[in-house]
Amino acid sequence: MTSSDSQQAPLGVFDSGVGGLTVVRALRELLPNESIIYLGDTARVPYGSKSPDTIRRFSMEDTQFLVSHGVKAVVVACNTATAHALPTLQATFRVPVIGVLEPGVEATLSDPGCERVGIIGTAGTIRSSAYQYALAMRKPGLQIHATATPLLVPFVEEGWTEHPALKLVLKQYLDPLLEKGMDTLVLGCTHYPLLMPILNNMLGKKVRLVDSASTCAAHTQRVLEQQNLLRTARSKPSLEIYLTDLSEQAEALAKRFLGTDFGKVKKANL
């Protein structure tokens, strides 16, 4: 593939389900000229409850699918897959492989006043300690409090992002972090950007929110610029969405996460 061909090639993005479409949404806002191929492994979701070896194997298969479709870079839009598989993917594939974790860490530490960080995510992400380790290595002395918040994904997928019950659940999860003086909250799951409005309403300006979708999109833009991979074609960019298991629920969820209609979803065979 020539340098020019690489520029015009699509970006590849994968997640264990459709939550990673929040990253696609952020990418399209920041890089509207880029074509994107998205793979959601809906047949094997969630990854968070799987063993690290299984997560690495699934992530290898997901990345291979995207690479076989000619992508110029791969964005791992899954916190669990990033935590367990990113180094393996980067060592295996020749295209740049970008995870959601490091951009979130960078954004968290970009404020010099950040002293007490709360992290919420799936059980798999929190159990991996990837965020905790990366933050502690970069800023010794930082107070870090991580909590698994498994009930949040079902609320988001049900569309109950303003439901009174969600507020009660969030209060249960967040009160212990607030009691520890949290000044920054890392949203360590790609479903959670859809909770930004209710979180802003509950936390006000006293807690800074760092979401993995917008930070990952900004990091991806920097990587493409550095490697001269930004798309220069003036033709309309394409968006292709593949799922490993097609269902009406998955398609409806995909529209909610992406915030727009996108045509027909295709079936992916890994």
Protein backbone atom coordinates (compact mmCIF):
# COMPACT_ATOMS: atom_id res chain seq x y z
CA MET A 1 0.00 0.00 0.00
CA THR A 2 1.46 3.37 -1.05
CA SER A 3 1.51 6.39 1.25
CA SER A 4 -1.40 7.92 -0.67
CA ASP A 5 -3.37 4.65 -0.49
CA SER A 6 -2.80 4.53 3.26
CA GLN A 7 -4.16 8.05 3.67
CA GLN A 8 -7.40 7.21 1.87
CA ALA A 9 -7.86 3.86 3.65
CA PRO A 10 -10.51 3.67 6.39
CA LEU A 11 -9.95 3.69 10.13
CA GLY A 12 -10.85 0.45 11.89
CA VAL A 13 -12.61 0.49 15.27
CA PHE A 14 -13.69 -2.49 17.38
CA ASP A 15 -15.45 -3.17 20.65
CA SER A 16 -16.99 -6.19 22.34
CA GLY A 17 -20.44 -4.73 21.59
CA VAL A 18 -21.91 -1.47 20.33
CA GLY A 19 -20.64 0.79 23.15
CA GLY A 20 -17.56 1.60 21.09
CA LEU A 21 -19.81 3.54 18.72
CA THR A 22 -19.48 6.44 21.18
CA VAL A 23 -15.82 6.50 20.06
CA VAL A 24 -16.93 6.39 16.40
CA ARG A 25 -19.29 9.28 17.12
CA ALA A 26 -16.43 11.30 18.66
CA LEU A 27 -14.12 10.39 15.75
CA ARG A 28 -16.69 11.55 13.20
CA GLU A 29 -17.11 14.85 15.00
CA LEU A 30 -13.36 15.45 15.21
CA LEU A 31 -12.32 13.84 11.90
CA PRO A 32 -15.35 14.21 9.61
CA ASN A 33 -13.35 13.36 6.48
CA GLU A 34 -12.31 9.89 7.68
CA SER A 35 -13.96 6.68 6.49
CA ILE A 36 -14.56 4.19 9.31
CA ILE A 37 -15.16 0.45 9.56
CA TYR A 38 -16.62 -0.60 12.91
CA LEU A 39 -16.74 -4.14 14.29
CA GLY A 40 -18.89 -4.99 17.30
CA ASP A 41 -18.37 -8.51 18.64
CA THR A 42 -21.99 -8.79 19.79
CA ALA A 43 -21.92 -12.60 19.63
CA ARG A 44 -19.36 -12.74 22.45
CA VAL A 45 -20.16 -9.63 24.50
CA PRO A 46 -19.25 -8.87 27.28
CA TYR A 47 -15.47 -9.23 27.37
CA GLY A 48 -15.25 -8.03 30.97
CA SER A 49 -16.28 -11.39 32.42
CA LYS A 50 -13.78 -13.37 30.30
CA SER A 51 -10.24 -14.43 31.22
CA PRO A 52 -7.31 -12.27 30.03
CA ASP A 53 -6.21 -15.03 27.61
CA THR A 54 -9.67 -15.17 26.05
CA ILE A 55 -9.86 -11.39 25.78
CA ARG A 56 -6.50 -11.35 23.99
CA ARG A 57 -7.62 -14.08 21.58
CA PHE A 58 -10.90 -12.30 20.78
CA SER A 59 -9.07 -8.98 20.32
CA MET A 60 -6.59 -10.59 17.91
CA GLU A 61 -9.48 -11.95 15.83
CA ASP A 62 -11.27 -8.57 15.86
CA THR A 63 -8.12 -6.74 14.74
CA GLN A 64 -7.36 -9.32 12.05
CA PHE A 65 -10.89 -8.82 10.65
CA LEU A 66 -10.34 -5.06 10.37
CA VAL A 67 -6.83 -5.41 8.92
CA SER A 68 -8.19 -7.84 6.31
CA HIS A 69 -10.56 -5.03 5.26
CA GLY A 70 -7.61 -2.74 4.53
CA VAL A 71 -7.73 -0.31 7.47
CA LYS A 72 -4.80 2.07 8.02
CA ALA A 73 -5.06 2.04 11.84
CA VAL A 74 -7.07 0.23 14.50
CA VAL A 75 -8.77 1.88 17.47
CA VAL A 76 -9.52 -0.52 20.34
CA ALA A 77 -12.73 1.11 21.57
CA CYS A 78 -13.03 -1.25 24.50
CA ASN A 79 -11.48 -0.56 27.89
CA THR A 80 -11.24 -4.24 28.82
CA ALA A 81 -9.58 -5.20 25.51
CA THR A 82 -7.21 -2.23 25.81
CA ALA A 83 -6.26 -3.22 29.35
CA HIS A 84 -5.49 -6.84 28.51
CA ALA A 85 -4.59 -6.99 24.80
CA LEU A 86 -3.12 -3.70 23.54
CA PRO A 87 0.61 -4.59 23.82
CA THR A 88 -0.01 -7.93 22.06
CA LEU A 89 -1.92 -6.23 19.24
CA GLN A 90 0.74 -3.54 18.81
CA ALA A 91 3.47 -6.19 18.64
CA THR A 92 1.55 -8.32 16.13
CA PHE A 93 0.13 -5.92 13.54
CA ARG A 94 1.96 -3.46 11.30
CA VAL A 95 -0.71 -0.75 11.38
CA PRO A 96 -0.91 1.64 14.36
CA VAL A 97 -3.12 0.20 17.14
CA ILE A 98 -4.59 2.78 19.52
CA GLY A 99 -6.30 2.02 22.82
CA VAL A 100 -8.74 4.06 24.91
CA LEU A 101 -6.80 3.83 28.16
CA GLU A 102 -3.66 5.91 27.60
CA PRO A 103 -5.55 8.92 26.16
CA GLY A 104 -7.77 8.87 29.24
CA VAL A 105 -4.74 8.80 31.51
CA GLU A 106 -3.14 11.69 29.61
CA ALA A 107 -6.32 13.75 29.82
CA THR A 108 -6.68 12.99 33.53
CA LEU A 109 -3.18 14.21 34.31
CA SER A 110 -3.37 17.24 32.00
CA ASP A 111 -4.80 19.24 34.91
CA PRO A 112 -1.97 19.91 37.39
CA GLY A 113 -4.57 20.33 40.13
CA CYS A 114 -5.66 16.71 39.80
CA GLU A 115 -4.94 15.04 43.18
CA ARG A 116 -7.78 12.60 43.90
CA VAL A 117 -9.03 10.49 41.01
CA GLY A 118 -12.09 8.27 40.94
CA ILE A 119 -12.39 5.60 38.25
CA ILE A 120 -15.59 3.80 37.30
CA GLY A 121 -15.81 0.96 34.80
CA THR A 122 -16.82 -2.63 34.26
CA ALA A 123 -15.61 -5.30 36.67
CA GLY A 124 -13.06 -6.50 34.08
CA THR A 125 -11.55 -3.06 33.55
CA ILE A 126 -11.33 -2.26 37.25
CA ARG A 127 -9.99 -5.73 38.09
CA SER A 128 -7.19 -5.32 35.52
CA SER A 129 -5.90 -2.28 37.49
CA ALA A 130 -4.70 -0.88 34.16
CA TYR A 131 -5.93 2.66 34.80
CA GLN A 132 -4.75 2.59 38.40
CA TYR A 133 -1.27 1.37 37.41
CA ALA A 134 -0.86 3.83 34.52
CA LEU A 135 -1.93 6.79 36.66
CA ALA A 136 0.25 5.80 39.61
CA MET A 137 3.30 5.31 37.40
CA ARG A 138 2.86 8.74 35.80
CA LYS A 139 2.07 10.65 38.98
CA PRO A 140 3.35 9.06 42.21
CA GLY A 141 1.39 10.23 45.23
CA LEU A 142 -1.84 10.58 43.28
CA GLN A 143 -4.80 9.28 45.29
CA ILE A 144 -6.69 6.77 43.15
CA HIS A 145 -10.00 5.16 44.05
CA ALA A 146 -11.51 2.72 41.55
CA THR A 147 -14.90 1.08 41.76
CA ALA A 148 -16.66 -1.40 39.48
CA THR A 149 -20.07 -0.11 38.37
CA PRO A 150 -21.71 -3.10 36.65
CA LEU A 151 -25.28 -1.78 36.83
CA LEU A 152 -24.60 1.23 34.60
CA VAL A 153 -24.29 -0.56 31.26
CA PRO A 154 -27.81 -2.08 31.47
CA PHE A 155 -29.26 1.38 32.21
CA VAL A 156 -27.49 2.88 29.19
CA GLU A 157 -28.54 0.01 26.91
CA GLU A 158 -32.13 0.33 28.10
CA GLY A 159 -32.06 4.02 27.24
CA TRP A 160 -32.73 4.95 30.88
CA THR A 161 -30.08 7.67 30.98
CA GLU A 162 -32.38 10.09 32.82
CA HIS A 163 -34.31 7.57 34.90
CA PRO A 164 -34.72 8.33 38.65
CA ALA A 165 -33.48 4.80 39.43
CA LEU A 166 -30.22 5.54 37.60
CA LYS A 167 -29.66 8.56 39.82
CA LEU A 168 -30.07 6.39 42.91
CA VAL A 169 -27.60 3.80 41.56
CA LEU A 170 -25.07 6.48 40.63
CA LYS A 171 -25.40 8.00 44.10
CA GLN A 172 -24.56 4.62 45.67
CA TYR A 173 -21.50 4.26 43.44
CA LEU A 174 -20.26 7.86 43.64
CA ASP A 175 -20.88 8.83 47.26
CA PRO A 176 -17.89 6.82 48.59
CA LEU A 177 -15.66 8.49 45.96
CA LEU A 178 -16.98 11.94 46.84
CA GLU A 179 -16.35 11.24 50.52
CA LYS A 180 -12.70 10.64 49.62
CA GLY A 181 -12.53 14.12 48.05
CA MET A 182 -12.56 13.05 44.38
CA ASP A 183 -11.72 15.98 42.07
CA THR A 184 -11.61 14.00 38.78
CA LEU A 185 -13.81 11.12 37.60
CA VAL A 186 -12.55 8.84 34.81
CA LEU A 187 -15.36 7.20 32.86
CA GLY A 188 -13.61 3.94 32.07
CA CYS A 189 -16.25 2.44 29.80
CA THR A 190 -17.32 3.49 26.32
CA HIS A 191 -20.99 3.31 27.35
CA TYR A 192 -20.51 6.04 29.91
CA PRO A 193 -20.29 9.13 27.65
CA LEU A 194 -24.07 8.79 27.37
CA LEU A 195 -24.18 9.42 31.14
CA MET A 196 -22.36 12.76 30.89
CA PRO A 197 -25.54 14.89 31.18
CA ILE A 198 -26.77 13.21 34.38
CA LEU A 199 -23.24 13.09 35.85
CA ASN A 200 -22.72 16.80 35.16
CA ASN A 201 -26.07 17.49 36.78
CA MET A 202 -25.21 15.44 39.87
CA LEU A 203 -21.58 16.48 40.30
CA GLY A 204 -21.66 20.06 39.07
CA LYS A 205 -18.33 21.79 38.55
CA LYS A 206 -16.61 20.35 41.60
CA VAL A 207 -15.61 17.15 39.76
CA ARG A 208 -13.96 17.08 36.31
CA LEU A 209 -15.17 14.30 34.02
CA VAL A 210 -12.78 12.46 31.68
CA ASP A 211 -14.52 10.28 29.09
CA SER A 212 -12.76 7.66 27.01
CA ALA A 213 -14.54 8.49 23.74
CA SER A 214 -13.50 12.12 23.22
CA THR A 215 -9.99 11.58 24.63
CA CYS A 216 -9.44 8.57 22.36
CA ALA A 217 -10.65 10.51 19.31
CA ALA A 218 -8.23 13.36 20.06
CA HIS A 219 -5.35 10.91 20.51
CA THR A 220 -6.24 9.16 17.24
CA GLN A 221 -6.16 12.51 15.43
CA ARG A 222 -2.64 13.15 16.76
CA VAL A 223 -1.42 9.70 15.66
CA LEU A 224 -2.83 10.13 12.14
CA GLU A 225 -1.26 13.59 11.85
CA GLN A 226 2.14 12.35 13.09
CA GLN A 227 2.14 9.42 10.65
CA ASN A 228 0.76 11.42 7.71
CA LEU A 229 -2.33 9.22 7.54
CA LEU A 230 -5.12 11.81 7.47
CA ARG A 231 -7.55 11.24 4.59
CA THR A 232 -7.18 13.88 1.89
CA ALA A 233 -9.83 12.70 -0.60
CA ARG A 234 -12.75 15.05 -1.14
CA SER A 235 -15.26 12.29 -1.81
CA LYS A 236 -17.81 11.54 0.89
CA PRO A 237 -16.31 9.33 3.63
CA SER A 238 -17.95 5.97 4.28
CA LEU A 239 -19.14 4.32 7.48
CA GLU A 240 -19.52 0.53 7.59
CA ILE A 241 -20.80 -1.24 10.69
CA TYR A 242 -20.27 -4.97 11.19
CA LEU A 243 -21.66 -7.03 14.07
CA THR A 244 -20.88 -10.67 14.79
CA ASP A 245 -24.48 -11.29 15.86
CA LEU A 246 -27.29 -9.35 14.22
CA SER A 247 -30.38 -8.57 16.26
CA GLU A 248 -33.02 -5.84 16.30
CA GLN A 249 -31.84 -4.81 19.77
CA ALA A 250 -28.22 -4.46 18.64
CA GLU A 251 -29.22 -2.33 15.65
CA ALA A 252 -31.43 -0.10 17.80
CA LEU A 253 -28.61 0.27 20.32
CA ALA A 254 -26.16 1.10 17.55
CA LYS A 255 -28.37 3.98 16.41
CA ARG A 256 -28.63 5.28 19.97
CA PHE A 257 -24.88 5.17 20.56
CA LEU A 258 -24.02 6.70 17.20
CA GLY A 259 -26.75 9.33 17.41
CA THR A 260 -27.68 8.93 13.76
CA ASP A 261 -28.94 6.42 11.20
CA PHE A 262 -26.22 4.67 9.22
CA GLY A 263 -27.83 2.31 6.76
CA LYS A 264 -27.63 -1.44 6.88
CA VAL A 265 -25.57 -3.31 9.46
CA LYS A 266 -23.50 -6.17 8.02
CA LYS A 267 -22.80 -9.58 9.52
CA ALA A 268 -19.16 -10.25 10.38
CA ASN A 269 -17.72 -13.76 10.41
CA LEU A 270 -14.49 -13.93 12.38
